[in-house]
Protein backbone atom coordinates (compact mmCIF):
# COMPACT_ATOMS: atom_id res chain seq x y z
CA MET A 1 73.37 -38.12 11.41
CA GLN A 2 72.00 -34.64 11.11
CA ALA A 3 68.30 -34.04 10.43
CA ALA A 4 67.36 -32.21 7.26
CA PRO A 5 66.33 -28.60 7.85
CA VAL A 6 62.58 -28.10 8.05
CA ARG A 7 61.25 -25.69 5.46
CA PRO A 8 58.10 -23.74 6.30
CA VAL A 9 55.03 -24.74 4.32
CA ARG A 10 53.21 -21.88 2.66
CA ALA A 11 49.51 -22.21 2.04
CA THR A 12 48.32 -20.58 -1.13
CA ALA A 13 44.68 -19.67 -1.38
CA ILE A 14 42.87 -21.26 -4.27
CA PRO A 15 41.20 -18.49 -6.25
CA SER A 16 37.44 -18.57 -6.35
CA VAL A 17 35.41 -18.53 -9.55
CA THR A 18 34.56 -14.90 -8.82
CA ASP A 19 38.23 -14.01 -8.52
CA ALA A 20 38.99 -15.77 -11.78
CA LEU A 21 36.15 -13.97 -13.57
CA ARG A 22 37.28 -10.61 -12.20
CA ALA A 23 40.82 -11.30 -13.39
CA MET A 24 39.55 -12.13 -16.88
CA GLU A 25 37.34 -9.06 -16.84
CA SER A 26 40.26 -6.81 -15.95
CA LEU A 27 42.31 -8.27 -18.80
CA LEU A 28 39.56 -7.93 -21.39
CA LEU A 29 37.88 -4.68 -20.41
CA GLY A 30 39.20 -1.24 -19.74
CA GLY A 31 38.55 0.46 -16.41
CA GLY A 32 35.58 2.50 -17.64
CA GLN A 33 33.84 -0.49 -19.17
CA ARG A 34 34.39 -2.50 -16.03
CA THR A 35 32.86 0.25 -13.89
CA ALA A 36 29.89 0.59 -16.24
CA ARG A 37 29.35 -3.15 -16.17
CA ARG A 38 29.40 -3.29 -12.38
CA ASN A 39 27.06 -0.31 -12.16
CA ALA A 40 24.67 -2.04 -14.56
CA TRP A 41 24.73 -5.24 -12.48
CA THR A 42 24.10 -3.23 -9.30
CA ALA A 43 21.08 -1.63 -11.01
CA VAL A 44 19.77 -5.08 -12.01
CA LEU A 45 20.07 -6.33 -8.44
CA GLU A 46 18.32 -3.20 -7.13
CA ASP A 47 15.47 -3.65 -9.66
CA ARG A 48 15.05 -7.26 -8.53
CA ARG A 49 14.92 -6.17 -4.90
CA ARG A 50 12.28 -3.53 -5.67
CA ALA A 51 10.21 -6.05 -7.66
CA LYS A 52 10.33 -8.49 -4.73
CA ASP A 53 9.26 -5.70 -2.36
CA ARG A 54 6.34 -4.81 -4.68
CA VAL A 55 5.17 -8.43 -4.76
CA GLU A 56 5.36 -8.69 -0.97
CA ALA A 57 3.44 -5.41 -0.56
CA GLN A 58 0.79 -6.64 -2.99
CA HIS A 59 0.36 -9.84 -0.95
CA VAL A 60 -0.03 -7.83 2.25
CA LEU A 61 -2.60 -5.51 0.64
CA GLU A 62 -4.58 -8.49 -0.70
CA ALA A 63 -4.52 -10.16 2.72
CA VAL A 64 -5.82 -7.00 4.40
CA ALA A 65 -8.51 -6.57 1.73
CA ASP A 66 -9.64 -10.18 2.22
CA ARG A 67 -9.98 -9.65 5.99
CA THR A 68 -12.07 -6.49 5.66
CA SER A 69 -14.36 -7.94 2.99
């Protein structure tokens, strides 16, 4: 009796939700719209970061003002 040949097993990565959304985006939107959309999202994230920094700076200033009062 001869053993059956062993076939290599290939692992296929399961696409993430982000990958799936990007694939849908590329199908639905042209290249320019996609770039504009990503630029807009980057601007939103940067605005959020600046707002967080402003809040933290305000807390520091209030703490210093409380100590000197």
